[in-house]
Amino acid sequence: MSQIKAVPPGNRYIPYAERTGDESIVYFTRDLSPAGILKVYAKIKERIGGKVAIKLHTGEPHGPNIIPPEWVKVFMEQQLPEATIVETNTFYDGDRYTTKQHRKTLEVNGWTKFATVDITDEHGTARLPVTGGKWFTEMSVGKSLLDYDSMVVLTHFKGHAMGGFGGSNKNIGIGCADGRIGKGMIHAKDGNDWGVVEEELMEKITESTKAVIDRFGQNIVYINVLRNMSVSCDCEGVKAAPVTTPNVGILASVDILAADQASVDMIAAMKEEHHHDLIERIESRHGYRQLSYMKELGMGHDRYVLMDVDNGDRRIDAAGAVEGVVPFVG
């Protein structure tokens, strides 16, 4: 008799009705524009002050799917004119591998026309403690990350070749780890620079994220832009797979797990033909483990209430909430 193969932990979408614990607030707008970012940021901005870092994925040269720099320009001019975009160099050899290459790419993509970009590992590295992790006790990040008082995590939500999906968790966990040591700690295993996959990778990314968000405490917020959602990360640039998932809108929260969970829920609520490619990418890479491990580490809540800012902060409650706002429900 053949045995039923057990589903590895995390490699399963957990329906809302099966989730437990408290609820967080997630703000939602359908307005995919600079105005949309401004609307949701206004709901969470009280936590941001002092010297402000904006964590973006600034993309490979001419990447077609990144958050448009002109959107970020308007956002910064109106809300955070003194803020600094923060990035790190890459672990892979490409157009952002060295600081010199990275700065050229930033120029090509238009970021340096309106903002200061701090490549934080240009200045060396620093170690942040990882509390409660099973893989790490500390994580190596770009040294100048520690110069900031607060952080806005402005994320292009999309698929990812290894992580399944790239939300706020991936933006911080990979994006704040320095290019040589920190990213190597996450990716390398047994002499193989890219040996870590599936649950182990999701857990290591998440522990890296926890180190950063613990550093900022209450002074960090999360905005996910659900637009141009290829199954490819923006690190694939012009080689990214075609976009097959419909645009949705923008989500924001002070809870990283709620922000990423709501984003995944909105994809899950779509019709099969609309979400097939992205769901397959998440499941095949065991990406759901990002969410369950964030919950295990006490990083937030996977239950939430959506506040529809397009309709006067209309409260959309609990299970099935996304069906009231996603126009692609099957």
C-alpha atoms as a PDB file:
ATOM      1  CA  MET A   1       0.000   0.000   0.000  1.00  0.00           C
ATOM      2  CA  SER A   2       1.392   3.383  -0.942  1.00  0.00           C
ATOM      3  CA  GLN A   3       1.798   5.872   1.845  1.00  0.00           C
ATOM      4  CA  ILE A   4       0.331   9.347   1.739  1.00  0.00           C
ATOM      5  CA  LYS A   5       3.130  11.871   1.629  1.00  0.00           C
ATOM      6  CA  ALA A   6       2.838  14.380   4.445  1.00  0.00           C
ATOM      7  CA  VAL A   7       2.636  18.052   3.526  1.00  0.00           C
ATOM      8  CA  PRO A   8       5.720  19.806   4.945  1.00  0.00           C
ATOM      9  CA  PRO A   9       4.982  22.482   7.539  1.00  0.00           C
ATOM     10  CA  GLY A  10       4.229  25.784   5.894  1.00  0.00           C
ATOM     11  CA  ASN A  11       3.596  24.383   2.434  1.00  0.00           C
ATOM     12  CA  ARG A  12      -0.139  24.935   2.753  1.00  0.00           C
ATOM     13  CA  TYR A  13      -2.454  27.897   2.531  1.00  0.00           C
ATOM     14  CA  ILE A  14      -4.316  28.236   5.832  1.00  0.00           C
ATOM     15  CA  PRO A  15      -7.916  29.401   5.334  1.00  0.00           C
ATOM     16  CA  TYR A  16      -8.993  32.301   7.518  1.00  0.00           C
ATOM     17  CA  ALA A  17     -11.427  30.149   9.508  1.00  0.00           C
ATOM     18  CA  GLU A  18      -8.531  27.963  10.695  1.00  0.00           C
ATOM     19  CA  ARG A  19      -6.442  30.855  12.011  1.00  0.00           C
ATOM     20  CA  THR A  20      -6.324  31.772  15.666  1.00  0.00           C
ATOM     21  CA  GLY A  21      -5.295  34.745  17.745  1.00  0.00           C
ATOM     22  CA  ASP A  22      -5.861  38.476  17.730  1.00  0.00           C
ATOM     23  CA  GLU A  23      -6.609  40.659  14.712  1.00  0.00           C
ATOM     24  CA  SER A  24      -4.572  43.547  13.378  1.00  0.00           C
ATOM     25  CA  ILE A  25      -5.665  46.422  11.157  1.00  0.00           C
ATOM     26  CA  VAL A  26      -4.745  46.462   7.462  1.00  0.00           C
ATOM     27  CA  TYR A  27      -5.609  49.496   5.343  1.00  0.00           C
ATOM     28  CA  PHE A  28      -6.528  48.985   1.699  1.00  0.00           C
ATOM     29  CA  THR A  29      -6.916  51.167  -1.377  1.00  0.00           C
ATOM     30  CA  ARG A  30      -7.549  50.226  -4.977  1.00  0.00           C
ATOM     31  CA  ASP A  31      -5.794  53.433  -6.040  1.00  0.00           C
ATOM     32  CA  LEU A  32      -2.546  52.333  -7.662  1.00  0.00           C
ATOM     33  CA  SER A  33      -0.867  55.706  -7.857  1.00  0.00           C
ATOM     34  CA  PRO A  34       1.205  58.064  -5.696  1.00  0.00           C
ATOM     35  CA  ALA A  35      -2.088  59.233  -4.187  1.00  0.00           C
ATOM     36  CA  GLY A  36      -2.855  55.672  -3.141  1.00  0.00           C
ATOM     37  CA  ILE A  37       0.448  55.347  -1.314  1.00  0.00           C
ATOM     38  CA  LEU A  38      -0.185  58.674   0.399  1.00  0.00           C
ATOM     39  CA  LYS A  39      -3.696  57.603   1.470  1.00  0.00           C
ATOM     40  CA  VAL A  40      -2.630  54.438   3.225  1.00  0.00           C
ATOM     41  CA  TYR A  41       0.565  55.941   4.655  1.00  0.00           C
ATOM     42  CA  ALA A  42      -1.526  58.637   6.328  1.00  0.00           C
ATOM     43  CA  LYS A  43      -3.142  55.889   8.422  1.00  0.00           C
ATOM     44  CA  ILE A  44       0.117  54.553   9.858  1.00  0.00           C
ATOM     45  CA  LYS A  45       2.569  57.433   9.768  1.00  0.00           C
ATOM     46  CA  GLU A  46       2.475  58.307  13.477  1.00  0.00           C
ATOM     47  CA  ARG A  47       5.154  55.708  14.119  1.00  0.00           C
ATOM     48  CA  ILE A  48       7.626  57.327  11.726  1.00  0.00           C
ATOM     49  CA  GLY A  49       9.995  60.098  12.807  1.00  0.00           C
ATOM     50  CA  GLY A  50      13.585  61.127  13.334  1.00  0.00           C
ATOM     51  CA  LYS A  51      16.017  59.943  10.693  1.00  0.00           C
ATOM     52  CA  VAL A  52      13.842  57.897   8.326  1.00  0.00           C
ATOM     53  CA  ALA A  53      14.872  54.998   6.092  1.00  0.00           C
ATOM     54  CA  ILE A  54      12.666  53.888   3.191  1.00  0.00           C
ATOM     55  CA  LYS A  55      13.400  50.257   2.309  1.00  0.00           C
ATOM     56  CA  LEU A  56      12.716  49.654  -1.368  1.00  0.00           C
ATOM     57  CA  HIS A  57      13.669  47.075  -3.947  1.00  0.00           C
ATOM     58  CA  THR A  58      15.148  49.540  -6.436  1.00  0.00           C
ATOM     59  CA  GLY A  59      15.522  46.844  -9.107  1.00  0.00           C
ATOM     60  CA  GLU A  60      17.889  45.717 -11.804  1.00  0.00           C
ATOM     61  CA  PRO A  61      18.521  48.060 -14.783  1.00  0.00           C
ATOM     62  CA  HIS A  62      15.310  48.953 -16.617  1.00  0.00           C
ATOM     63  CA  GLY A  63      13.287  46.477 -14.569  1.00  0.00           C
ATOM     64  CA  PRO A  64       9.711  46.767 -15.854  1.00  0.00           C
ATOM     65  CA  ASN A  65       7.801  45.927 -12.695  1.00  0.00           C
ATOM     66  CA  ILE A  66       9.379  47.905  -9.845  1.00  0.00           C
ATOM     67  CA  ILE A  67       7.354  50.517  -7.999  1.00  0.00           C
ATOM     68  CA  PRO A  68       7.660  53.482 -10.380  1.00  0.00           C
ATOM     69  CA  PRO A  69      10.308  55.897  -9.099  1.00  0.00           C
ATOM     70  CA  GLU A  70       8.038  58.827  -9.941  1.00  0.00           C
ATOM     71  CA  TRP A  71       5.475  57.440  -7.458  1.00  0.00           C
ATOM     72  CA  VAL A  72       8.112  57.313  -4.746  1.00  0.00           C
ATOM     73  CA  LYS A  73       9.267  60.825  -5.663  1.00  0.00           C
ATOM     74  CA  VAL A  74       5.784  62.250  -5.073  1.00  0.00           C
ATOM     75  CA  PHE A  75       5.413  60.283  -1.846  1.00  0.00           C
ATOM     76  CA  MET A  76       8.727  61.505  -0.484  1.00  0.00           C
ATOM     77  CA  GLU A  77       8.203  65.111  -1.535  1.00  0.00           C
ATOM     78  CA  GLN A  78       4.831  65.271   0.199  1.00  0.00           C
ATOM     79  CA  GLN A  79       5.516  63.184   3.310  1.00  0.00           C
ATOM     80  CA  LEU A  80       9.196  62.399   3.864  1.00  0.00           C
ATOM     81  CA  PRO A  81      11.389  64.949   2.070  1.00  0.00           C
ATOM     82  CA  GLU A  82      14.369  64.266   4.360  1.00  0.00           C
ATOM     83  CA  ALA A  83      14.134  60.462   4.208  1.00  0.00           C
ATOM     84  CA  THR A  84      16.769  58.210   2.673  1.00  0.00           C
ATOM     85  CA  ILE A  85      16.208  55.159   0.484  1.00  0.00           C
ATOM     86  CA  VAL A  86      18.211  52.228   1.870  1.00  0.00           C
ATOM     87  CA  GLU A  87      19.512  49.228  -0.045  1.00  0.00           C
ATOM     88  CA  THR A  88      22.269  46.602   0.092  1.00  0.00           C
ATOM     89  CA  ASN A  89      24.443  44.997  -2.544  1.00  0.00           C
ATOM     90  CA  THR A  90      23.475  41.610  -3.947  1.00  0.00           C
ATOM     91  CA  PHE A  91      24.813  38.132  -3.187  1.00  0.00           C
ATOM     92  CA  TYR A  92      24.731  37.196  -6.865  1.00  0.00           C
ATOM     93  CA  ASP A  93      27.137  38.633  -9.426  1.00  0.00           C
ATOM     94  CA  GLY A  94      25.242  41.210 -11.467  1.00  0.00           C
ATOM     95  CA  ASP A  95      24.516  44.888 -11.861  1.00  0.00           C
ATOM     96  CA  ARG A  96      24.149  45.489  -8.118  1.00  0.00           C
ATOM     97  CA  TYR A  97      26.952  43.220  -6.873  1.00  0.00           C
ATOM     98  CA  THR A  98      29.452  45.968  -6.084  1.00  0.00           C
ATOM     99  CA  THR A  99      28.685  49.429  -4.785  1.00  0.00           C
ATOM    100  CA  LYS A 100      30.007  50.955  -8.016  1.00  0.00           C
ATOM    101  CA  GLN A 101      27.752  48.742 -10.149  1.00  0.00           C
ATOM    102  CA  HIS A 102      24.843  49.319  -7.808  1.00  0.00           C
ATOM    103  CA  ARG A 103      25.137  53.094  -7.972  1.00  0.00           C
ATOM    104  CA  LYS A 104      25.146  52.948 -11.762  1.00  0.00           C
ATOM    105  CA  THR A 105      21.959  50.868 -11.684  1.00  0.00           C
ATOM    106  CA  LEU A 106      20.320  53.315  -9.288  1.00  0.00           C
ATOM    107  CA  GLU A 107      21.143  56.103 -11.731  1.00  0.00           C
ATOM    108  CA  VAL A 108      19.799  54.145 -14.711  1.00  0.00           C
ATOM    109  CA  ASN A 109      16.510  53.474 -12.924  1.00  0.00           C
ATOM    110  CA  GLY A 110      16.096  57.116 -11.936  1.00  0.00           C
ATOM    111  CA  TRP A 111      16.316  56.915  -8.152  1.00  0.00           C
ATOM    112  CA  THR A 112      19.209  59.324  -7.758  1.00  0.00           C
ATOM    113  CA  LYS A 113      17.346  62.101  -9.580  1.00  0.00           C
ATOM    114  CA  PHE A 114      15.282  62.872  -6.482  1.00  0.00           C
ATOM    115  CA  ALA A 115      16.564  60.907  -3.487  1.00  0.00           C
ATOM    116  CA  THR A 116      19.638  60.018  -1.515  1.00  0.00           C
ATOM    117  CA  VAL A 117      20.243  56.268  -1.617  1.00  0.00           C
ATOM    118  CA  ASP A 118      22.290  54.713   1.164  1.00  0.00           C
ATOM    119  CA  ILE A 119      23.833  51.373   0.174  1.00  0.00           C
ATOM    120  CA  THR A 120      24.184  50.407   3.798  1.00  0.00           C
ATOM    121  CA  ASP A 121      26.874  47.737   3.389  1.00  0.00           C
ATOM    122  CA  GLU A 122      29.092  50.198   1.541  1.00  0.00           C
ATOM    123  CA  HIS A 123      30.124  51.302   5.024  1.00  0.00           C
ATOM    124  CA  GLY A 124      30.769  47.815   6.377  1.00  0.00           C
ATOM    125  CA  THR A 125      28.594  45.465   8.360  1.00  0.00           C
ATOM    126  CA  ALA A 126      26.983  45.241  11.784  1.00  0.00           C
ATOM    127  CA  ARG A 127      25.379  42.414  13.730  1.00  0.00           C
ATOM    128  CA  LEU A 128      21.843  42.472  15.063  1.00  0.00           C
ATOM    129  CA  PRO A 129      20.596  39.879  17.563  1.00  0.00           C
ATOM    130  CA  VAL A 130      18.032  37.287  16.471  1.00  0.00           C
ATOM    131  CA  THR A 131      15.738  36.467  19.381  1.00  0.00           C
ATOM    132  CA  GLY A 132      13.998  33.103  19.459  1.00  0.00           C
ATOM    133  CA  GLY A 133      15.322  31.803  16.136  1.00  0.00           C
ATOM    134  CA  LYS A 134      16.358  28.226  15.430  1.00  0.00           C
ATOM    135  CA  TRP A 135      18.961  29.012  12.752  1.00  0.00           C
ATOM    136  CA  PHE A 136      20.620  32.231  13.884  1.00  0.00           C
ATOM    137  CA  THR A 137      21.505  34.092  17.040  1.00  0.00           C
ATOM    138  CA  GLU A 138      22.495  37.175  15.039  1.00  0.00           C
ATOM    139  CA  MET A 139      22.254  38.551  11.506  1.00  0.00           C
ATOM    140  CA  SER A 140      24.757  40.615   9.541  1.00  0.00           C
ATOM    141  CA  VAL A 141      23.310  43.794   8.032  1.00  0.00           C
ATOM    142  CA  GLY A 142      24.639  46.887   6.319  1.00  0.00           C
ATOM    143  CA  LYS A 143      26.367  48.965   8.980  1.00  0.00           C
ATOM    144  CA  SER A 144      24.659  52.289   8.310  1.00  0.00           C
ATOM    145  CA  LEU A 145      21.207  50.730   8.788  1.00  0.00           C
ATOM    146  CA  LEU A 146      21.793  51.353  12.478  1.00  0.00           C
ATOM    147  CA  ASP A 147      21.951  55.116  11.849  1.00  0.00           C
ATOM    148  CA  TYR A 148      18.192  55.352  11.303  1.00  0.00           C
ATOM    149  CA  ASP A 149      15.445  55.937  13.843  1.00  0.00           C
ATOM    150  CA  SER A 150      12.490  54.588  11.868  1.00  0.00           C
ATOM    151  CA  MET A 151      11.732  52.715   8.658  1.00  0.00           C
ATOM    152  CA  VAL A 152       9.019  52.680   5.995  1.00  0.00           C
ATOM    153  CA  VAL A 153       9.063  49.309   4.241  1.00  0.00           C
ATOM    154  CA  LEU A 154       7.690  50.114   0.778  1.00  0.00           C
ATOM    155  CA  THR A 155       7.376  46.812  -1.038  1.00  0.00           C
ATOM    156  CA  HIS A 156       6.450  45.717  -4.529  1.00  0.00           C
ATOM    157  CA  PHE A 157       4.560  42.510  -3.769  1.00  0.00           C
ATOM    158  CA  LYS A 158       5.281  39.834  -6.424  1.00  0.00           C
ATOM    159  CA  GLY A 159       6.521  36.292  -6.908  1.00  0.00           C
ATOM    160  CA  HIS A 160      10.055  35.142  -6.215  1.00  0.00           C
ATOM    161  CA  ALA A 161      12.168  32.403  -7.773  1.00  0.00           C
ATOM    162  CA  MET A 162      13.283  30.995  -4.420  1.00  0.00           C
ATOM    163  CA  GLY A 163      10.987  32.539  -1.809  1.00  0.00           C
ATOM    164  CA  GLY A 164       7.720  31.880  -3.635  1.00  0.00           C
ATOM    165  CA  PHE A 165       6.595  35.433  -3.028  1.00  0.00           C
ATOM    166  CA  GLY A 166       8.308  38.662  -2.124  1.00  0.00           C
ATOM    167  CA  GLY A 167       6.414  40.795   0.367  1.00  0.00           C
ATOM    168  CA  SER A 168       7.552  42.946   3.266  1.00  0.00           C
ATOM    169  CA  ASN A 169       9.243  39.950   4.902  1.00  0.00           C
ATOM    170  CA  LYS A 170      11.472  39.258   1.924  1.00  0.00           C
ATOM    171  CA  ASN A 171      12.112  42.974   1.315  1.00  0.00           C
ATOM    172  CA  ILE A 172      13.627  43.255   4.796  1.00  0.00           C
ATOM    173  CA  GLY A 173      15.027  39.774   5.359  1.00  0.00           C
ATOM    174  CA  ILE A 174      17.059  39.667   2.164  1.00  0.00           C
ATOM    175  CA  GLY A 175      17.139  43.386   1.437  1.00  0.00           C
ATOM    176  CA  CYS A 176      18.711  44.506   4.723  1.00  0.00           C
ATOM    177  CA  ALA A 177      21.201  41.629   5.048  1.00  0.00           C
ATOM    178  CA  ASP A 178      24.538  42.745   3.654  1.00  0.00           C
ATOM    179  CA  GLY A 179      25.594  41.409   0.280  1.00  0.00           C
ATOM    180  CA  ARG A 180      28.424  39.127   1.349  1.00  0.00           C
ATOM    181  CA  ILE A 181      28.000  37.941   4.930  1.00  0.00           C
ATOM    182  CA  GLY A 182      24.305  38.307   5.758  1.00  0.00           C
ATOM    183  CA  LYS A 183      22.941  37.070   2.454  1.00  0.00           C
ATOM    184  CA  GLY A 184      25.472  34.242   2.554  1.00  0.00           C
ATOM    185  CA  MET A 185      24.206  33.231   5.987  1.00  0.00           C
ATOM    186  CA  ILE A 186      20.715  32.976   4.530  1.00  0.00           C
ATOM    187  CA  HIS A 187      21.472  31.307   1.193  1.00  0.00           C
ATOM    188  CA  ALA A 188      24.627  29.202   1.566  1.00  0.00           C
ATOM    189  CA  LYS A 189      24.731  25.607   2.773  1.00  0.00           C
ATOM    190  CA  ASP A 190      27.397  22.897   2.682  1.00  0.00           C
ATOM    191  CA  GLY A 191      29.650  24.860   0.365  1.00  0.00           C
ATOM    192  CA  ASN A 192      26.831  25.650  -2.061  1.00  0.00           C
ATOM    193  CA  ASP A 193      26.158  29.380  -2.365  1.00  0.00           C
ATOM    194  CA  TRP A 194      22.508  28.685  -3.134  1.00  0.00           C
ATOM    195  CA  GLY A 195      21.976  25.481  -1.186  1.00  0.00           C
ATOM    196  CA  VAL A 196      19.193  26.650   1.137  1.00  0.00           C
ATOM    197  CA  VAL A 197      15.670  26.099  -0.186  1.00  0.00           C
ATOM    198  CA  GLU A 198      12.056  25.592   0.866  1.00  0.00           C
ATOM    199  CA  GLU A 199      11.229  25.691   4.603  1.00  0.00           C
ATOM    200  CA  GLU A 200      14.797  26.360   5.698  1.00  0.00           C
ATOM    201  CA  LEU A 201      15.106  29.337   3.365  1.00  0.00           C
ATOM    202  CA  MET A 202      11.767  30.812   4.450  1.00  0.00           C
ATOM    203  CA  GLU A 203      12.736  30.471   8.089  1.00  0.00           C
ATOM    204  CA  LYS A 204      16.169  32.040   7.593  1.00  0.00           C
ATOM    205  CA  ILE A 205      14.711  34.977   5.667  1.00  0.00           C
ATOM    206  CA  THR A 206      12.192  35.468   8.458  1.00  0.00           C
ATOM    207  CA  GLU A 207      14.770  35.349  11.227  1.00  0.00           C
ATOM    208  CA  SER A 208      16.775  37.988   9.346  1.00  0.00           C
ATOM    209  CA  THR A 209      13.657  40.131   9.163  1.00  0.00           C
ATOM    210  CA  LYS A 210      12.997  39.683  12.874  1.00  0.00           C
ATOM    211  CA  ALA A 211      16.441  41.035  13.693  1.00  0.00           C
ATOM    212  CA  VAL A 212      15.675  44.231  11.782  1.00  0.00           C
ATOM    213  CA  ILE A 213      12.140  44.824  13.019  1.00  0.00           C
ATOM    214  CA  ASP A 214      13.211  44.172  16.602  1.00  0.00           C
ATOM    215  CA  ARG A 215      15.860  46.851  16.095  1.00  0.00           C
ATOM    216  CA  PHE A 216      13.237  49.434  15.058  1.00  0.00           C
ATOM    217  CA  GLY A 217      10.578  48.317  17.544  1.00  0.00           C
ATOM    218  CA  GLN A 218       7.419  50.409  17.170  1.00  0.00           C
ATOM    219  CA  ASN A 219       9.052  52.698  14.609  1.00  0.00           C
ATOM    220  CA  ILE A 220       8.494  50.636  11.469  1.00  0.00           C
ATOM    221  CA  VAL A 221       5.527  50.355   9.069  1.00  0.00           C
ATOM    222  CA  TYR A 222       4.726  48.264   6.007  1.00  0.00           C
ATOM    223  CA  ILE A 223       3.190  49.130   2.628  1.00  0.00           C
ATOM    224  CA  ASN A 224       2.668  46.433  -0.026  1.00  0.00           C
ATOM    225  CA  VAL A 225       1.953  47.500  -3.611  1.00  0.00           C
ATOM    226  CA  LEU A 226       0.068  44.718  -5.460  1.00  0.00           C
ATOM    227  CA  ARG A 227       0.821  45.740  -9.045  1.00  0.00           C
ATOM    228  CA  ASN A 228       2.683  44.114 -11.967  1.00  0.00           C
ATOM    229  CA  MET A 229       2.916  40.877 -10.022  1.00  0.00           C
ATOM    230  CA  SER A 230       5.109  38.630 -12.123  1.00  0.00           C
ATOM    231  CA  VAL A 231       6.149  35.294 -10.653  1.00  0.00           C
ATOM    232  CA  SER A 232       9.653  36.751 -10.937  1.00  0.00           C
ATOM    233  CA  CYS A 233      11.303  39.024  -8.417  1.00  0.00           C
ATOM    234  CA  ASP A 234      12.492  42.476  -9.465  1.00  0.00           C
ATOM    235  CA  CYS A 235      16.006  41.051  -9.145  1.00  0.00           C
ATOM    236  CA  GLU A 236      15.373  39.377 -12.525  1.00  0.00           C
ATOM    237  CA  GLY A 237      14.957  42.739 -14.216  1.00  0.00           C
ATOM    238  CA  VAL A 238      14.077  42.667 -17.908  1.00  0.00           C
ATOM    239  CA  LYS A 239      14.211  38.843 -17.832  1.00  0.00           C
ATOM    240  CA  ALA A 240      11.188  38.681 -15.510  1.00  0.00           C
ATOM    241  CA  ALA A 241       8.362  36.388 -16.559  1.00  0.00           C
ATOM    242  CA  PRO A 242       5.306  38.087 -18.079  1.00  0.00           C
ATOM    243  CA  VAL A 243       2.714  39.416 -15.652  1.00  0.00           C
ATOM    244  CA  THR A 244      -0.386  37.196 -15.565  1.00  0.00           C
ATOM    245  CA  THR A 245      -1.911  38.239 -12.230  1.00  0.00           C
ATOM    246  CA  PRO A 246      -4.312  41.224 -12.195  1.00  0.00           C
ATOM    247  CA  ASN A 247      -3.423  44.360 -10.275  1.00  0.00           C
ATOM    248  CA  VAL A 248      -5.207  44.733  -6.940  1.00  0.00           C
ATOM    249  CA  GLY A 249      -4.213  47.819  -4.954  1.00  0.00           C
ATOM    250  CA  ILE A 250      -2.109  48.871  -1.984  1.00  0.00           C
ATOM    251  CA  LEU A 251      -2.113  47.476   1.577  1.00  0.00           C
ATOM    252  CA  ALA A 252      -0.586  49.034   4.676  1.00  0.00           C
ATOM    253  CA  SER A 253      -0.213  48.013   8.299  1.00  0.00           C
ATOM    254  CA  VAL A 254       1.970  48.347  11.366  1.00  0.00           C
ATOM    255  CA  ASP A 255       1.897  44.521  11.492  1.00  0.00           C
ATOM    256  CA  ILE A 256       4.241  42.836   8.996  1.00  0.00           C
ATOM    257  CA  LEU A 257       2.524  39.456   9.136  1.00  0.00           C
ATOM    258  CA  ALA A 258      -0.918  40.986   8.642  1.00  0.00           C
ATOM    259  CA  ALA A 259       0.346  42.981   5.644  1.00  0.00           C
ATOM    260  CA  ASP A 260       1.890  39.957   3.920  1.00  0.00           C
ATOM    261  CA  GLN A 261      -0.957  37.613   4.891  1.00  0.00           C
ATOM    262  CA  ALA A 262      -3.589  39.993   3.521  1.00  0.00           C
ATOM    263  CA  SER A 263      -1.598  40.306   0.298  1.00  0.00           C
ATOM    264  CA  VAL A 264      -1.462  36.521  -0.110  1.00  0.00           C
ATOM    265  CA  ASP A 265      -5.156  36.262   0.776  1.00  0.00           C
ATOM    266  CA  MET A 266      -6.044  38.677  -2.007  1.00  0.00           C
ATOM    267  CA  ILE A 267      -4.171  36.543  -4.501  1.00  0.00           C
ATOM    268  CA  ALA A 268      -5.826  33.392  -3.147  1.00  0.00           C
ATOM    269  CA  ALA A 269      -9.282  34.987  -3.543  1.00  0.00           C
ATOM    270  CA  MET A 270      -8.876  35.452  -7.296  1.00  0.00           C
ATOM    271  CA  LYS A 271     -10.288  33.177  -9.939  1.00  0.00           C
ATOM    272  CA  GLU A 272      -8.106  30.202 -10.841  1.00  0.00           C
ATOM    273  CA  GLU A 273      -7.119  31.613 -14.229  1.00  0.00           C
ATOM    274  CA  HIS A 274      -5.984  34.836 -12.599  1.00  0.00           C
ATOM    275  CA  HIS A 275      -3.946  33.455  -9.724  1.00  0.00           C
ATOM    276  CA  HIS A 276      -2.747  30.104 -11.079  1.00  0.00           C
ATOM    277  CA  ASP A 277       0.818  31.135 -11.919  1.00  0.00           C
ATOM    278  CA  LEU A 278       1.523  33.055  -8.729  1.00  0.00           C
ATOM    279  CA  ILE A 279      -0.075  30.457  -6.460  1.00  0.00           C
ATOM    280  CA  GLU A 280       1.936  27.720  -8.174  1.00  0.00           C
ATOM    281  CA  ARG A 281       5.099  29.712  -7.585  1.00  0.00           C
ATOM    282  CA  ILE A 282       4.302  30.188  -3.895  1.00  0.00           C
ATOM    283  CA  GLU A 283       3.346  26.552  -3.315  1.00  0.00           C
ATOM    284  CA  SER A 284       6.214  25.006  -5.276  1.00  0.00           C
ATOM    285  CA  ARG A 285       8.769  27.008  -3.273  1.00  0.00           C
ATOM    286  CA  HIS A 286       6.998  26.405   0.051  1.00  0.00           C
ATOM    287  CA  GLY A 287       6.483  30.153   0.401  1.00  0.00           C
ATOM    288  CA  TYR A 288       3.611  29.895   2.854  1.00  0.00           C
ATOM    289  CA  ARG A 289       6.215  29.022   5.476  1.00  0.00           C
ATOM    290  CA  GLN A 290       7.159  32.705   5.565  1.00  0.00           C
ATOM    291  CA  LEU A 291       3.745  33.417   7.063  1.00  0.00           C
ATOM    292  CA  SER A 292       3.510  30.544   9.537  1.00  0.00           C
ATOM    293  CA  TYR A 293       7.041  31.140  10.801  1.00  0.00           C
ATOM    294  CA  MET A 294       6.420  34.856  11.321  1.00  0.00           C
ATOM    295  CA  LYS A 295       3.483  33.839  13.497  1.00  0.00           C
ATOM    296  CA  GLU A 296       5.555  31.292  15.425  1.00  0.00           C
ATOM    297  CA  LEU A 297       8.178  33.952  16.130  1.00  0.00           C
ATOM    298  CA  GLY A 298       5.567  36.380  17.434  1.00  0.00           C
ATOM    299  CA  MET A 299       6.118  38.892  14.645  1.00  0.00           C
ATOM    300  CA  GLY A 300       2.440  39.699  14.102  1.00  0.00           C
ATOM    301  CA  HIS A 301      -1.042  38.333  13.468  1.00  0.00           C
ATOM    302  CA  ASP A 302      -2.428  36.403  10.506  1.00  0.00           C
ATOM    303  CA  ARG A 303      -5.963  37.539  11.372  1.00  0.00           C
ATOM    304  CA  TYR A 304      -6.908  41.087  10.504  1.00  0.00           C
ATOM    305  CA  VAL A 305      -9.634  43.581   9.717  1.00  0.00           C
ATOM    306  CA  LEU A 306      -9.469  45.390   6.387  1.00  0.00           C
ATOM    307  CA  MET A 307     -10.186  49.109   6.440  1.00  0.00           C
ATOM    308  CA  ASP A 308     -11.347  50.242   3.011  1.00  0.00           C
ATOM    309  CA  VAL A 309      -9.926  53.771   2.778  1.00  0.00           C
ATOM    310  CA  ASP A 310     -11.637  54.346  -0.575  1.00  0.00           C
ATOM    311  CA  ASN A 311     -14.981  54.142   1.215  1.00  0.00           C
ATOM    312  CA  GLY A 312     -14.458  56.172   4.354  1.00  0.00           C
ATOM    313  CA  ASP A 313     -12.493  53.522   6.227  1.00  0.00           C
ATOM    314  CA  ARG A 314     -15.334  51.048   5.887  1.00  0.00           C
ATOM    315  CA  ARG A 315     -14.579  48.101   8.134  1.00  0.00           C
ATOM    316  CA  ILE A 316     -14.567  44.742   6.369  1.00  0.00           C
ATOM    317  CA  ASP A 317     -14.604  41.976   8.952  1.00  0.00           C
ATOM    318  CA  ALA A 318     -12.779  38.719   9.398  1.00  0.00           C
ATOM    319  CA  ALA A 319     -12.994  35.550   7.307  1.00  0.00           C
ATOM    320  CA  GLY A 320     -13.515  36.062   3.614  1.00  0.00           C
ATOM    321  CA  ALA A 321     -12.873  39.777   3.954  1.00  0.00           C
ATOM    322  CA  VAL A 322     -10.905  39.932   0.736  1.00  0.00           C
ATOM    323  CA  GLU A 323     -13.917  38.798  -1.266  1.00  0.00           C
ATOM    324  CA  GLY A 324     -15.458  42.179  -0.651  1.00  0.00           C
ATOM    325  CA  VAL A 325     -12.614  44.083  -2.224  1.00  0.00           C
ATOM    326  CA  VAL A 326     -10.917  41.895  -4.817  1.00  0.00           C
ATOM    327  CA  PRO A 327     -12.777  42.099  -8.138  1.00  0.00           C
ATOM    328  CA  PHE A 328     -11.378  38.812  -9.416  1.00  0.00           C
ATOM    329  CA  VAL A 329     -13.013  36.374  -6.988  1.00  0.00           C
ATOM    330  CA  GLY A 330     -13.947  33.044  -8.540  1.00  0.00           C
END
